[in-house]
Amino acid sequence: MNQERLMQVLLAPQISEKATYIAEKRNQVIFRVAPDATKPEIKAAVELMFKVEVDSVQVANVKGKVKRFKGATGRRKGWKKAFVGLKAGQEINFVEGGNA
């Protein structure tokens, strides 16, 4: 896989209450990823950028919400998120900016 492509796969970490709960319970980290990203690309990108060992990757497509503004309906853009399971003893800490 091209290293330039791998740097464009991960868009941002998804930090929320649910993401924190999953990180503690299942040793998983949630990322917002490119819409055309595949599981092997996501695994390689996380291992390259954060220097950790990835155990598993699950992907979910999130549909955009339907919103109304002054009587007109519209739809927000959908996005893709990846649940990345880390091997035992591995950790990514976003607060300190990298590995812990």
C-alpha atoms as a PDB file:
ATOM      1  CA  MET A   1       0.000   0.000   0.000  1.00  0.00           C
ATOM      2  CA  ASN A   2       1.142   3.496  -0.809  1.00  0.00           C
ATOM      3  CA  GLN A   3       2.309   5.425   2.261  1.00  0.00           C
ATOM      4  CA  GLU A   4       0.820   8.654   0.900  1.00  0.00           C
ATOM      5  CA  ARG A   5      -2.600   6.976   0.625  1.00  0.00           C
ATOM      6  CA  LEU A   6      -2.328   5.620   4.180  1.00  0.00           C
ATOM      7  CA  MET A   7      -1.765   9.131   5.519  1.00  0.00           C
ATOM      8  CA  GLN A   8      -5.112  10.209   3.986  1.00  0.00           C
ATOM      9  CA  VAL A   9      -7.213   7.299   5.299  1.00  0.00           C
ATOM     10  CA  LEU A  10      -7.612   8.477   8.922  1.00  0.00           C
ATOM     11  CA  LEU A  11      -9.423  11.802   9.132  1.00  0.00           C
ATOM     12  CA  ALA A  12      -9.883  12.310  12.890  1.00  0.00           C
ATOM     13  CA  PRO A  13     -10.335  10.439  16.158  1.00  0.00           C
ATOM     14  CA  GLN A  14     -13.945  10.258  17.330  1.00  0.00           C
ATOM     15  CA  ILE A  15     -13.882  11.409  20.950  1.00  0.00           C
ATOM     16  CA  SER A  16     -17.160  11.090  22.857  1.00  0.00           C
ATOM     17  CA  GLU A  17     -18.576   9.427  25.961  1.00  0.00           C
ATOM     18  CA  LYS A  18     -19.308   6.267  24.001  1.00  0.00           C
ATOM     19  CA  ALA A  19     -15.802   6.227  22.491  1.00  0.00           C
ATOM     20  CA  THR A  20     -14.246   6.593  25.951  1.00  0.00           C
ATOM     21  CA  TYR A  21     -16.418   3.775  27.320  1.00  0.00           C
ATOM     22  CA  ILE A  22     -15.455   1.471  24.428  1.00  0.00           C
ATOM     23  CA  ALA A  23     -11.782   2.341  24.851  1.00  0.00           C
ATOM     24  CA  GLU A  24     -11.891   1.270  28.509  1.00  0.00           C
ATOM     25  CA  LYS A  25     -14.061  -1.835  28.087  1.00  0.00           C
ATOM     26  CA  ARG A  26     -12.853  -3.336  24.797  1.00  0.00           C
ATOM     27  CA  ASN A  27      -9.466  -1.675  24.183  1.00  0.00           C
ATOM     28  CA  GLN A  28     -10.789  -0.102  20.958  1.00  0.00           C
ATOM     29  CA  VAL A  29     -10.314   3.345  19.442  1.00  0.00           C
ATOM     30  CA  ILE A  30     -12.827   5.004  17.107  1.00  0.00           C
ATOM     31  CA  PHE A  31     -11.702   6.968  14.049  1.00  0.00           C
ATOM     32  CA  ARG A  32     -13.511   8.931  11.357  1.00  0.00           C
ATOM     33  CA  VAL A  33     -12.116   7.537   8.102  1.00  0.00           C
ATOM     34  CA  ALA A  34     -12.257   8.256   4.369  1.00  0.00           C
ATOM     35  CA  PRO A  35     -15.474   7.003   2.705  1.00  0.00           C
ATOM     36  CA  ASP A  36     -13.555   4.675   0.367  1.00  0.00           C
ATOM     37  CA  ALA A  37     -11.191   3.263   3.026  1.00  0.00           C
ATOM     38  CA  THR A  38     -10.913  -0.511   3.417  1.00  0.00           C
ATOM     39  CA  LYS A  39     -10.191  -2.536   6.559  1.00  0.00           C
ATOM     40  CA  PRO A  40      -6.598  -3.436   5.540  1.00  0.00           C
ATOM     41  CA  GLU A  41      -5.885   0.232   4.730  1.00  0.00           C
ATOM     42  CA  ILE A  42      -7.261   1.366   8.098  1.00  0.00           C
ATOM     43  CA  LYS A  43      -5.193  -1.243   9.947  1.00  0.00           C
ATOM     44  CA  ALA A  44      -2.010  -0.261   8.098  1.00  0.00           C
ATOM     45  CA  ALA A  45      -2.655   3.458   8.627  1.00  0.00           C
ATOM     46  CA  VAL A  46      -3.151   3.113  12.398  1.00  0.00           C
ATOM     47  CA  GLU A  47      -0.032   0.948  12.730  1.00  0.00           C
ATOM     48  CA  LEU A  48       1.992   3.440  10.668  1.00  0.00           C
ATOM     49  CA  MET A  49       0.835   6.623  12.386  1.00  0.00           C
ATOM     50  CA  PHE A  50       0.621   5.513  16.024  1.00  0.00           C
ATOM     51  CA  LYS A  51       3.219   2.687  16.155  1.00  0.00           C
ATOM     52  CA  VAL A  52       0.794   0.203  17.764  1.00  0.00           C
ATOM     53  CA  GLU A  53      -0.316  -3.323  16.895  1.00  0.00           C
ATOM     54  CA  VAL A  54      -3.898  -3.614  15.600  1.00  0.00           C
ATOM     55  CA  ASP A  55      -5.916  -6.719  16.436  1.00  0.00           C
ATOM     56  CA  SER A  56      -9.187  -6.065  14.578  1.00  0.00           C
ATOM     57  CA  VAL A  57     -11.077  -3.453  12.543  1.00  0.00           C
ATOM     58  CA  GLN A  58     -14.854  -3.026  12.280  1.00  0.00           C
ATOM     59  CA  VAL A  59     -16.347  -0.407   9.955  1.00  0.00           C
ATOM     60  CA  ALA A  60     -19.725   1.358  10.128  1.00  0.00           C
ATOM     61  CA  ASN A  61     -21.345   3.786   7.706  1.00  0.00           C
ATOM     62  CA  VAL A  62     -23.133   6.592   9.563  1.00  0.00           C
ATOM     63  CA  LYS A  63     -26.067   8.108   7.694  1.00  0.00           C
ATOM     64  CA  GLY A  64     -26.437  11.883   7.714  1.00  0.00           C
ATOM     65  CA  LYS A  65     -29.307  13.345   9.718  1.00  0.00           C
ATOM     66  CA  VAL A  66     -32.334  14.922   8.065  1.00  0.00           C
ATOM     67  CA  LYS A  67     -32.562  18.572   9.172  1.00  0.00           C
ATOM     68  CA  ARG A  68     -35.031  21.389   8.557  1.00  0.00           C
ATOM     69  CA  PHE A  69     -34.192  25.051   8.104  1.00  0.00           C
ATOM     70  CA  LYS A  70     -36.962  27.619   7.452  1.00  0.00           C
ATOM     71  CA  GLY A  71     -39.313  24.955   6.162  1.00  0.00           C
ATOM     72  CA  ALA A  72     -36.838  23.426   3.727  1.00  0.00           C
ATOM     73  CA  THR A  73     -35.573  19.931   4.433  1.00  0.00           C
ATOM     74  CA  GLY A  74     -32.033  18.871   3.818  1.00  0.00           C
ATOM     75  CA  ARG A  75     -29.673  16.092   4.726  1.00  0.00           C
ATOM     76  CA  ARG A  76     -26.277  16.265   6.348  1.00  0.00           C
ATOM     77  CA  LYS A  77     -23.440  14.375   4.743  1.00  0.00           C
ATOM     78  CA  GLY A  78     -22.919  10.751   5.785  1.00  0.00           C
ATOM     79  CA  TRP A  79     -19.540   9.493   6.994  1.00  0.00           C
ATOM     80  CA  LYS A  80     -17.657   6.329   7.819  1.00  0.00           C
ATOM     81  CA  LYS A  81     -16.207   5.332  11.167  1.00  0.00           C
ATOM     82  CA  ALA A  82     -13.851   2.555  12.143  1.00  0.00           C
ATOM     83  CA  PHE A  83     -13.643   0.711  15.454  1.00  0.00           C
ATOM     84  CA  VAL A  84      -9.982  -0.304  15.762  1.00  0.00           C
ATOM     85  CA  GLY A  85      -9.225  -3.021  18.321  1.00  0.00           C
ATOM     86  CA  LEU A  86      -5.728  -2.873  19.769  1.00  0.00           C
ATOM     87  CA  LYS A  87      -3.751  -5.851  21.020  1.00  0.00           C
ATOM     88  CA  ALA A  88      -3.309  -6.335  24.763  1.00  0.00           C
ATOM     89  CA  GLY A  89      -0.914  -3.817  26.287  1.00  0.00           C
ATOM     90  CA  GLN A  90      -1.271  -1.338  23.391  1.00  0.00           C
ATOM     91  CA  GLU A  91      -2.746   2.121  23.922  1.00  0.00           C
ATOM     92  CA  ILE A  92      -3.308   5.370  22.024  1.00  0.00           C
ATOM     93  CA  ASN A  93      -3.665   8.502  24.148  1.00  0.00           C
ATOM     94  CA  PHE A  94      -5.031  11.523  22.241  1.00  0.00           C
ATOM     95  CA  VAL A  95      -4.855  13.876  25.228  1.00  0.00           C
ATOM     96  CA  GLU A  96      -1.062  13.695  25.365  1.00  0.00           C
ATOM     97  CA  GLY A  97      -0.745  13.533  21.587  1.00  0.00           C
ATOM     98  CA  GLY A  98       0.327  10.002  20.709  1.00  0.00           C
ATOM     99  CA  ASN A  99       1.498   6.891  22.507  1.00  0.00           C
ATOM    100  CA  ALA A 100       1.314   6.645  26.264  1.00  0.00           C
END
